[in-house]
Protein backbone atom coordinates (compact mmCIF):
# COMPACT_ATOMS: atom_id res chain seq x y z
CA MET A 1 0.00 0.00 0.00
CA THR A 2 2.93 2.35 0.69
CA PHE A 3 4.08 1.88 -2.90
CA ILE A 4 0.58 2.52 -4.25
CA ILE A 5 0.12 5.84 -2.43
CA SER A 6 3.71 7.00 -3.02
CA PRO A 7 2.67 9.54 -5.72
CA VAL A 8 0.23 11.14 -3.27
CA LEU A 9 2.85 11.32 -0.51
CA ILE A 10 5.52 12.82 -2.77
CA ARG A 11 3.20 15.48 -4.18
CA ALA A 12 1.83 16.36 -0.75
CA LEU A 13 5.17 16.48 1.06
CA GLY A 14 7.61 17.53 -1.65
CA ASN A 15 11.01 15.94 -2.18
CA ARG A 16 12.61 17.32 0.99
CA ASP A 17 9.89 16.38 3.47
CA TYR A 18 9.33 13.02 1.78
CA GLY A 19 13.05 12.36 2.07
CA LEU A 20 12.90 13.28 5.75
CA TRP A 21 9.96 10.93 6.27
CA GLU A 22 11.85 8.06 4.65
CA LEU A 23 14.89 8.88 6.77
CA VAL A 24 12.77 8.74 9.93
CA MET A 25 11.30 5.42 8.76
CA SER A 26 14.88 4.15 8.49
CA VAL A 27 15.45 5.12 12.12
CA ILE A 28 12.32 3.18 13.07
CA GLY A 29 13.76 0.25 11.14
CA TYR A 30 16.91 0.49 13.22
CA MET A 31 14.76 0.42 16.36
CA GLY A 32 13.78 -3.11 15.36
CA LEU A 33 17.29 -4.21 16.33
CA LEU A 34 16.32 -3.76 19.97
CA ASP A 35 14.20 -6.92 19.98
CA LEU A 36 17.35 -9.10 19.59
CA GLY A 37 15.53 -11.37 17.13
CA ILE A 38 13.04 -12.55 19.75
CA GLY A 39 10.07 -11.22 17.78
CA GLY A 40 10.80 -13.53 14.88
CA SER A 41 11.22 -16.64 17.06
CA LEU A 42 8.31 -16.00 19.43
CA VAL A 43 5.85 -17.69 17.05
CA ARG A 44 7.85 -20.89 17.39
CA PHE A 45 7.77 -20.82 21.21
CA VAL A 46 4.04 -20.09 21.30
CA SER A 47 3.15 -22.78 18.74
CA VAL A 48 5.26 -25.42 20.51
CA ALA A 49 3.71 -24.66 23.91
CA ASP A 50 0.22 -24.59 22.41
CA GLY A 51 0.81 -27.86 20.56
CA ARG A 52 1.84 -29.53 23.82
CA GLN A 53 -1.14 -27.98 25.61
CA ASP A 54 1.37 -26.68 28.17
CA LYS A 55 -0.49 -23.69 29.62
CA GLU A 56 2.24 -22.93 32.14
CA ASP A 57 4.96 -22.74 29.48
CA LEU A 58 2.71 -20.66 27.23
CA GLN A 59 2.00 -18.21 30.06
CA GLN A 60 5.72 -17.94 30.86
CA THR A 61 6.49 -17.34 27.17
CA ILE A 62 4.01 -14.54 26.53
CA SER A 63 4.47 -12.93 29.97
CA THR A 64 8.26 -12.90 29.71
CA ALA A 65 8.13 -11.66 26.12
CA PHE A 66 5.66 -8.90 26.99
CA THR A 67 7.84 -7.69 29.86
CA PHE A 68 10.91 -7.71 27.61
CA PHE A 69 9.16 -5.80 24.81
CA ALA A 70 7.63 -3.30 27.23
CA ILE A 71 11.14 -2.43 28.42
CA VAL A 72 12.39 -2.24 24.82
CA GLY A 73 9.44 -0.02 23.91
CA PHE A 74 10.29 2.34 26.78
CA VAL A 75 13.89 2.56 25.54
CA ALA A 76 12.61 3.32 22.02
CA VAL A 77 10.43 6.13 23.40
CA LEU A 78 13.45 7.67 25.14
CA ILE A 79 15.48 7.48 21.92
CA PHE A 80 12.79 9.25 19.92
CA LEU A 81 12.34 11.90 22.60
CA SER A 82 16.10 12.54 22.39
CA LEU A 83 15.86 12.82 18.60
CA GLY A 84 12.93 15.21 19.00
CA TYR A 85 15.16 17.41 21.15
CA SER A 86 18.07 17.22 18.67
CA PRO A 87 16.74 16.07 15.26
CA GLY A 88 19.87 17.33 13.54
CA ILE A 89 21.66 14.20 14.79
CA ILE A 90 20.16 12.19 11.94
CA ALA A 91 18.81 14.81 9.53
CA GLY A 92 21.65 17.32 9.28
CA SER A 93 21.28 21.06 8.88
CA GLU A 94 18.34 20.98 6.45
CA ILE A 95 15.84 20.55 9.27
CA LYS A 96 16.03 24.22 10.31
CA ASN A 97 13.09 25.23 8.10
CA ILE A 98 10.91 22.20 8.83
CA ALA A 99 8.07 23.05 11.21
CA ASN A 100 6.87 20.81 14.06
CA LEU A 101 9.71 18.32 13.59
CA SER A 102 10.04 17.72 17.33
CA THR A 103 6.33 16.88 17.49
CA VAL A 104 6.81 14.37 14.67
CA PHE A 105 9.50 12.56 16.66
CA ILE A 106 7.39 12.58 19.83
CA LEU A 107 4.43 11.02 17.99
CA LEU A 108 6.67 8.39 16.44
CA GLY A 109 8.16 7.70 19.87
CA ILE A 110 4.67 7.01 21.23
CA ASN A 111 4.12 4.72 18.26
CA ALA A 112 7.38 2.84 18.90
CA GLY A 113 6.43 2.38 22.54
CA MET A 114 3.31 0.48 21.44
CA LEU A 115 4.81 -1.39 18.48
CA PHE A 116 7.17 -3.56 20.51
CA PRO A 117 4.66 -5.00 23.03
CA LEU A 118 2.14 -5.29 20.18
CA GLN A 119 4.42 -7.95 18.66
CA VAL A 120 3.62 -10.27 21.57
CA PHE A 121 -0.11 -10.28 20.82
CA ILE A 122 0.40 -10.68 17.07
CA THR A 123 2.86 -13.55 17.40
CA THR A 124 0.69 -15.22 20.05
CA LEU A 125 -2.28 -15.20 17.67
CA MET A 126 -0.06 -16.52 14.88
CA GLY A 127 1.27 -19.26 17.15
CA VAL A 128 -2.26 -20.50 17.90
CA GLN A 129 -3.19 -20.44 14.19
CA ARG A 130 -5.26 -17.23 14.19
CA HIS A 131 -3.61 -15.94 11.02
CA TYR A 132 -6.95 -15.23 9.37
CA PHE A 133 -7.92 -12.74 12.07
CA ILE A 134 -4.59 -10.88 11.83
CA ASN A 135 -4.72 -10.74 8.03
CA ASN A 136 -8.34 -9.58 7.87
CA VAL A 137 -7.78 -6.84 10.46
CA ARG A 138 -4.65 -5.60 8.72
CA ILE A 139 -6.26 -5.56 5.28
CA VAL A 140 -9.19 -3.49 6.55
CA LEU A 141 -6.94 -1.10 8.48
CA VAL A 142 -4.56 -0.63 5.54
CA ILE A 143 -7.44 0.36 3.27
CA ILE A 144 -8.98 2.69 5.86
CA ARG A 145 -5.61 4.25 6.60
CA ALA A 146 -4.86 4.82 2.92
CA CYS A 147 -8.21 6.60 2.50
CA PHE A 148 -7.63 8.74 5.60
CA THR A 149 -4.10 9.59 4.45
CA TYR A 150 -5.30 10.64 1.00
CA TYR A 151 -8.14 12.77 2.40
CA LEU A 152 -6.13 14.49 5.14
CA LEU A 153 -3.16 15.27 2.91
CA LEU A 154 -5.43 16.95 0.39
CA ARG A 155 -7.49 18.72 3.07
CA TYR A 156 -4.59 20.02 5.17
CA GLN A 157 -1.88 20.82 2.66
CA GLY A 158 1.46 21.85 4.11
CA ARG A 159 1.01 19.69 7.22
CA GLY A 160 1.91 16.36 5.67
CA LEU A 161 4.59 15.31 8.15
CA ILE A 162 2.34 15.92 11.16
CA ILE A 163 -0.54 14.04 9.52
CA LEU A 164 1.60 10.99 8.71
CA ALA A 165 3.19 11.01 12.17
CA LEU A 166 -0.21 11.32 13.88
CA LEU A 167 -1.71 8.43 11.93
CA GLU A 168 1.11 6.10 13.01
CA PRO A 169 0.21 5.87 16.75
CA ILE A 170 -3.53 6.07 16.06
CA PHE A 171 -3.59 2.96 13.87
CA THR A 172 -1.04 1.16 16.03
CA ALA A 173 -3.31 1.79 19.04
CA ILE A 174 -6.27 0.36 17.10
CA GLN A 175 -4.25 -2.77 16.29
CA PHE A 176 -3.13 -2.99 19.91
CA ALA A 177 -6.72 -2.89 21.14
CA LEU A 178 -7.96 -5.47 18.62
CA PHE A 179 -5.11 -7.98 18.91
CA ALA A 180 -4.69 -7.66 22.68
CA GLY A 181 -8.45 -8.01 23.05
CA ALA A 182 -8.43 -11.16 20.90
CA VAL A 183 -5.73 -12.68 23.11
CA PHE A 184 -7.47 -11.80 26.37
CA ILE A 185 -10.89 -13.16 25.35
CA ASP A 186 -9.44 -16.44 24.07
CA ARG A 187 -9.91 -18.90 26.95
CA ASN A 188 -7.24 -21.22 25.55
CA ILE A 189 -4.57 -18.55 26.01
CA PRO A 190 -3.47 -17.94 29.62
CA LYS A 191 -3.49 -14.39 30.94
CA LEU A 192 -0.36 -12.28 31.25
CA SER A 193 1.12 -12.41 34.73
CA LEU A 194 4.14 -10.74 36.25
CA SER A 195 4.69 -13.82 38.41
CA ALA A 196 5.07 -15.93 35.25
CA VAL A 197 8.06 -13.89 34.05
CA THR A 198 11.19 -16.03 34.39
CA TYR A 199 14.87 -15.52 33.74
CA TYR A 200 15.11 -19.05 32.33
CA LYS A 201 12.48 -18.38 29.65
CA ALA A 202 14.11 -15.07 28.70
CA LYS A 203 17.50 -16.78 28.38
CA GLU A 204 15.97 -19.60 26.32
CA MET A 205 14.36 -17.20 23.84
CA ILE A 206 17.46 -15.00 23.52
CA THR A 207 19.73 -18.03 23.01
CA PHE A 208 17.44 -19.51 20.37
CA SER A 209 17.16 -16.15 18.60
CA ALA A 210 20.90 -15.40 18.52
CA LYS A 211 21.55 -16.59 14.96
CA SER A 212 18.34 -15.04 13.69
CA ALA A 213 19.27 -11.79 15.43
CA THR A 214 22.58 -11.71 13.57
CA MET A 215 20.81 -11.95 10.22
CA LEU A 216 18.17 -9.44 11.37
CA ILE A 217 20.85 -6.91 12.29
CA ALA A 218 22.59 -7.47 8.96
CA SER A 219 19.34 -6.98 7.06
CA ARG A 220 18.43 -3.79 8.93
CA LEU A 221 21.91 -2.32 8.50
CA GLN A 222 21.83 -3.05 4.80
CA ASN A 223 18.31 -1.79 4.11
CA GLN A 224 18.03 1.18 6.48
CA SER A 225 21.45 2.80 6.15
CA VAL A 226 21.18 4.16 2.61
CA PRO A 227 18.54 6.89 3.29
CA LEU A 228 20.61 8.06 6.27
CA ILE A 229 23.75 8.24 4.12
CA ILE A 230 21.97 10.10 1.31
CA GLY A 231 20.19 12.50 3.68
CA ASN A 232 23.39 13.51 5.45
CA MET A 233 25.89 13.34 2.57
CA ILE A 234 23.83 14.54 -0.41
CA GLY A 235 20.59 16.07 0.86
CA LEU A 236 17.10 15.16 2.05
CA GLY A 237 15.61 16.04 -1.33
CA GLN A 238 17.72 13.35 -3.04
CA ILE A 239 16.45 10.44 -0.92
CA VAL A 240 13.31 10.10 -3.04
CA TYR A 241 15.37 9.36 -6.17
CA TYR A 242 16.79 6.29 -4.44
CA VAL A 243 13.76 5.20 -2.42
CA ILE A 244 11.29 5.02 -5.31
CA PRO A 245 13.43 2.79 -7.60
CA ASN A 246 14.42 0.71 -4.58
CA ARG A 247 10.78 0.29 -3.59
CA LEU A 248 9.90 -0.95 -7.07
CA VAL A 249 12.76 -3.46 -6.94
CA ASN A 250 11.81 -4.63 -3.43
CA TYR A 251 8.17 -4.98 -4.43
CA ALA A 252 9.12 -7.23 -7.35
CA LYS A 253 11.59 -9.11 -5.16
CA GLY A 254 8.97 -9.67 -2.47
CA MET A 255 6.52 -11.12 -4.98
CA SER A 256 9.05 -13.71 -6.14
CA GLN A 257 10.43 -14.50 -2.67
CA ALA A 258 6.97 -15.07 -1.20
CA ILE A 259 6.78 -18.30 -3.19
CA GLY A 260 9.68 -19.73 -1.20
CA PHE A 261 8.36 -19.10 2.33
CA PRO A 262 7.03 -22.68 2.88
CA LEU A 263 10.29 -24.31 1.75
CA ALA A 264 12.19 -24.20 5.06
CA PRO A 265 9.88 -26.73 6.79
CA TYR A 266 9.84 -28.73 3.54
CA PHE A 267 13.63 -29.01 3.65
CA GLY A 268 13.46 -29.77 7.36
CA ALA A 269 11.22 -32.77 6.67
CA ALA A 270 13.65 -34.06 4.02
CA ILE A 271 16.55 -33.67 6.47
CA GLY A 272 14.57 -35.58 9.09
CA ARG A 273 14.23 -38.52 6.69
CA GLY A 274 18.03 -38.62 6.38
CA ASP A 275 18.08 -38.90 2.58
CA HIS A 276 20.83 -36.53 1.41
CA SER A 277 20.40 -37.24 -2.30
CA GLU A 278 16.68 -36.47 -2.03
CA LEU A 279 17.49 -33.25 -0.18
CA VAL A 280 19.97 -32.14 -2.85
CA LYS A 281 17.50 -32.91 -5.62
CA SER A 282 14.71 -31.04 -3.81
CA TRP A 283 16.97 -28.05 -3.17
CA LEU A 284 18.11 -27.76 -6.79
CA ASN A 285 14.61 -28.28 -8.21
CA THR A 286 12.96 -25.75 -5.91
CA THR A 287 15.77 -23.27 -6.59
CA LEU A 288 15.14 -23.66 -10.31
CA ALA A 289 11.40 -23.13 -9.78
CA LEU A 290 12.02 -19.95 -7.79
CA GLN A 291 14.51 -18.62 -10.34
CA ILE A 292 12.00 -19.04 -13.17
CA VAL A 293 10.11 -16.18 -11.51
CA SER A 294 12.87 -14.28 -9.69
CA LEU A 295 15.26 -13.99 -12.66
CA ALA A 296 12.45 -12.82 -14.94
CA MET A 297 11.66 -9.92 -12.59
CA PRO A 298 14.90 -7.94 -13.21
CA ILE A 299 14.38 -8.30 -16.95
CA VAL A 300 10.85 -6.90 -16.71
CA ILE A 301 12.02 -3.96 -14.60
CA PHE A 302 15.00 -3.29 -16.89
CA PHE A 303 12.77 -2.88 -19.94
CA CYS A 304 9.58 -1.55 -18.31
CA GLY A 305 10.61 -0.06 -14.96
CA GLU A 306 11.64 3.42 -16.07
CA THR A 307 8.50 3.85 -18.17
CA PHE A 308 6.36 2.61 -15.28
CA LEU A 309 7.94 5.05 -12.82
CA GLY A 310 7.43 7.89 -15.31
CA LEU A 311 3.73 7.08 -15.55
CA TRP A 312 3.26 6.36 -11.84
CA ILE A 313 5.35 8.99 -10.09
CA GLY A 314 6.42 11.40 -12.83
CA LYS A 315 9.08 11.73 -15.53
CA GLU A 316 11.36 13.72 -13.23
CA TYR A 317 11.67 10.78 -10.85
CA ALA A 318 12.06 8.22 -13.64
CA ILE A 319 14.88 10.20 -15.26
CA ALA A 320 16.68 11.09 -12.02
CA GLY A 321 16.39 7.57 -10.65
CA HIS A 322 17.00 5.49 -13.77
CA MET A 323 20.71 4.82 -13.09
CA VAL A 324 19.91 3.88 -9.49
CA LEU A 325 17.24 1.51 -10.80
CA TYR A 326 19.64 -0.25 -13.17
CA ILE A 327 22.31 -0.58 -10.47
CA LEU A 328 19.82 -2.06 -8.00
CA LEU A 329 18.87 -4.66 -10.59
CA ALA A 330 22.38 -6.12 -10.29
CA GLY A 331 21.67 -6.77 -6.62
CA MET A 332 18.30 -8.27 -7.53
CA VAL A 333 19.97 -10.70 -9.95
CA ALA A 334 22.42 -11.72 -7.22
CA ASP A 335 19.51 -12.25 -4.80
CA SER A 336 17.87 -14.48 -7.41
CA LEU A 337 21.00 -16.58 -7.88
CA ALA A 338 21.09 -17.17 -4.11
CA THR A 339 17.32 -17.34 -3.71
CA ASN A 340 17.32 -20.68 -1.87
CA ALA A 341 20.83 -20.70 -0.42
CA PHE A 342 20.31 -19.22 3.04
CA ARG A 343 17.05 -21.14 3.40
CA ILE A 344 18.78 -24.52 3.01
CA LEU A 345 21.51 -23.48 5.45
CA THR A 346 18.85 -22.51 8.00
CA ALA A 347 17.00 -25.81 7.55
CA GLN A 348 20.23 -27.66 8.38
CA GLY A 349 21.13 -25.37 11.28
CA LYS A 350 24.29 -24.27 9.47
CA HIS A 351 23.37 -20.63 8.91
CA GLY A 352 25.40 -19.13 11.78
CA ARG A 353 28.59 -18.43 9.79
CA CYS A 354 26.58 -17.12 6.84
CA ALA A 355 24.61 -14.77 9.10
CA LEU A 356 27.88 -13.50 10.58
CA LEU A 357 29.23 -12.95 7.06
CA TRP A 358 26.17 -10.88 6.15
CA LEU A 359 26.59 -8.85 9.34
CA ILE A 360 30.25 -8.07 8.58
CA LEU A 361 29.51 -7.13 4.96
CA SER A 362 26.48 -5.05 6.00
CA LEU A 363 28.68 -3.10 8.42
CA LEU A 364 31.21 -2.68 5.61
CA SER A 365 28.49 -1.33 3.30
CA ILE A 366 28.10 1.79 5.48
CA PRO A 367 31.62 3.26 5.01
CA VAL A 368 31.63 2.01 1.41
CA GLY A 369 28.31 3.78 0.82
CA ILE A 370 29.60 6.99 2.43
CA PHE A 371 32.67 6.87 0.17
CA GLY A 372 30.45 6.30 -2.88
CA ALA A 373 28.24 9.24 -1.91
CA HIS A 374 31.27 11.49 -1.47
CA LYS A 375 32.82 10.54 -4.82
CA TRP A 376 29.85 10.01 -7.15
CA GLY A 377 26.72 11.14 -5.33
CA LEU A 378 23.47 9.17 -5.51
CA THR A 379 24.75 6.72 -8.11
CA GLY A 380 27.84 6.09 -5.99
CA VAL A 381 25.78 5.16 -2.93
CA ALA A 382 23.67 2.72 -4.93
CA ALA A 383 26.70 1.16 -6.66
CA ALA A 384 28.76 0.82 -3.48
CA THR A 385 26.02 -0.78 -1.39
CA THR A 386 24.86 -3.01 -4.26
CA MET A 387 28.41 -4.26 -4.77
CA VAL A 388 28.45 -5.49 -1.17
CA THR A 389 25.05 -7.17 -1.68
CA VAL A 390 26.29 -9.00 -4.77
CA LEU A 391 29.39 -10.23 -2.94
CA ALA A 392 27.36 -11.43 0.06
CA ASN A 393 24.93 -13.36 -2.14
CA LEU A 394 27.68 -15.07 -4.13
CA LEU A 395 29.44 -16.11 -0.93
CA THR A 396 26.12 -17.42 0.41
CA VAL A 397 25.74 -19.60 -2.68
CA TYR A 398 29.27 -20.92 -2.15
CA MET A 399 28.58 -21.73 1.52
CA ALA A 400 25.30 -23.45 0.65
CA CYS A 401 26.96 -25.56 -2.04
CA THR A 402 29.74 -26.49 0.38
CA ALA A 403 27.22 -27.52 3.05
CA MET A 404 25.24 -29.56 0.50
CA GLN A 405 28.41 -31.08 -1.02
CA VAL A 406 27.38 -29.80 -4.44
CA PRO A 407 30.03 -28.30 -6.78
CA LEU A 408 29.32 -24.73 -7.88
CA ILE A 409 29.40 -25.83 -11.52
CA THR A 410 26.69 -28.40 -10.80
CA TYR A 411 24.60 -25.81 -8.95
CA PHE A 412 24.61 -23.34 -11.83
CA LYS A 413 24.20 -26.12 -14.40
CA GLU A 414 21.06 -27.39 -12.67
CA THR A 415 19.58 -23.94 -12.07
CA LEU A 416 20.71 -20.90 -14.07
CA LEU A 417 21.86 -22.68 -17.24
CA ARG A 418 18.57 -24.56 -17.54
CA ILE A 419 16.64 -21.30 -17.88
CA ALA A 420 19.32 -19.27 -19.69
CA LEU A 421 17.81 -19.74 -23.17
CA PRO A 422 14.21 -18.93 -22.11
CA LEU A 423 15.54 -15.83 -20.32
CA MET A 424 17.40 -14.74 -23.47
CA LEU A 425 14.23 -15.21 -25.51
CA PHE A 426 12.36 -13.14 -22.91
CA VAL A 427 14.97 -10.38 -23.22
CA ALA A 428 14.79 -10.47 -27.02
CA ALA A 429 10.98 -10.28 -26.96
CA LEU A 430 10.85 -7.25 -24.65
CA TRP A 431 13.67 -5.54 -26.56
CA CYS A 432 11.93 -6.02 -29.94
CA LEU A 433 8.58 -4.87 -28.54
CA GLY A 434 10.24 -1.75 -27.14
CA ILE A 435 11.64 -0.88 -30.57
CA ILE A 436 8.60 -1.78 -32.66
CA TYR A 437 5.95 -0.43 -30.30
CA PRO A 438 7.31 1.74 -27.44
CA ALA A 439 5.11 1.68 -24.34
CA LYS A 440 3.36 4.97 -23.62
CA ASN A 441 0.79 3.92 -21.01
CA TYR A 442 -0.08 1.13 -18.59
CA VAL A 443 -1.99 -0.83 -21.25
CA ASP A 444 1.09 -0.84 -23.48
CA LEU A 445 3.25 -2.08 -20.60
CA LEU A 446 0.81 -4.90 -19.84
CA LEU A 447 0.68 -5.80 -23.54
CA HIS A 448 4.49 -5.95 -23.71
CA LEU A 449 4.58 -8.17 -20.64
CA PHE A 450 1.82 -10.43 -21.93
CA LEU A 451 3.36 -10.94 -25.38
CA ALA A 452 6.85 -11.54 -23.98
CA SER A 453 5.42 -14.02 -21.47
CA CYS A 454 3.77 -15.88 -24.34
CA ILE A 455 7.30 -16.61 -25.53
CA TYR A 456 8.98 -17.09 -22.14
CA LEU A 457 6.53 -19.53 -20.55
CA PRO A 458 6.34 -21.97 -23.50
CA ALA A 459 10.14 -21.82 -23.70
CA ILE A 460 10.31 -22.78 -20.01
CA TRP A 461 7.86 -25.61 -20.62
CA LEU A 462 9.73 -27.02 -23.62
CA LEU A 463 13.38 -26.23 -22.85
CA THR A 464 13.66 -26.19 -19.05
CA LEU A 465 11.18 -28.67 -17.61
CA GLY A 466 11.95 -32.35 -18.08
CA ALA A 467 9.48 -34.71 -19.74
CA ASP A 468 8.65 -36.41 -16.42
CA LEU A 469 7.91 -33.10 -14.70
CA ARG A 470 5.77 -31.92 -17.63
CA GLU A 471 3.80 -35.16 -17.42
CA ARG A 472 3.26 -34.75 -13.66
CA LEU A 473 2.10 -31.17 -14.13
CA GLN A 474 -0.30 -32.23 -16.88
CA ASP A 475 -1.71 -34.94 -14.62
CA LEU A 476 -2.11 -32.41 -11.81
CA ILE A 477 -3.94 -29.99 -14.12
CA ARG A 478 -6.25 -32.77 -15.33
CA MET A 479 -7.00 -33.78 -11.73
CA ARG A 480 -7.86 -30.19 -10.80
CA ILE A 481 -10.13 -29.80 -13.82
CA PHE A 482 -11.77 -33.18 -13.22
CA ALA A 483 -12.28 -32.38 -9.53
CA LYS A 484 -14.18 -29.24 -10.48
């Protein structure tokens, strides 16, 4: 939804204030490091306790987690109050002419104070299989919030930052009330109790989350540092020319990566059966399946992305951000090559060294990005940080192949090389369409994508998929049709 309403936000705030907002969002992203990875692992603890019907353990888990996150939330509030007193710490000298900036930080501090303990209620509901309730509430609130944002920004022009900052704690408070209420009225979930807070449970969760926390820190450093570098080294008004292309790339990346979310437990089951050859085959086949989508995405964005941004945001942003967009695509390709690598390491419990590698390289990306900004401006930041991303992904592939006892040549032969020809045909189709019939509107872009896909997908079917797999897919399609 943030991507969809981006044109409204940019026009309402202007480049400078929009850049400041993105910079502040990066600070909020950094605040996520305070949870030490416990938020991500809490679902596991809740689901295990619920599955065992161990009410005492479940009460200890949610009570200890809530106490921990309440303390973390209080620390986050103090940090934002400090930033409200001295906003120049993160935003530089450009903030002198921005009104009500301290109020913005105070409102976001209140929001942060609620966000951390809110995680406990969300993860508890997820752990007891109440995903549908969480998803339905969030969908409704996202739509309502988007409508409110659009209306208020148009009604109260010139007060965009205050409006956005005010909506943050309001909608977080609504979520807090709904999700906390759902937990408290569920008789199968024990009530929070200070007496149930234990040092042992806190230690258990922190120990379990250590490796995940390393990767979380690496991810936050990598993703949240760039707006801070641009805002302080180049200017707040330049952040938008990085954020918009990056958001398009991340949106496409998220669509392709979502397919792979269920694979970790799938690999875990194969590991449990102790059949290494089956595990290797499953890993390579699922990697190929993911790359059919993920490697097509950079090609689509390369040929259609700049035109899309020009139509969606405006030609100014498409022109100013086109080099950033192309540089970010290199990182997207590297992500696609390693799309299943960290997942298989995690399934085997061998992801600790890889997570540490990502942390080291993410820390390195900050001075490298600062150097790039100093030497070459916006393009330099994008190139420097993307270079680190590419290196980290290639090393992740190497570590995964080593853990799986699969030569790198075999890995690329069974994945990338099998779809190389269909990808080249896809490139040729989009290139020819761009020359013969340049896209001028959304319909043209969809037509280009449809026609190129009519070449790419049959090529995948005939040139990439084996005869046995094609036969199984045909049988599956027949069964689905017959069942209906």
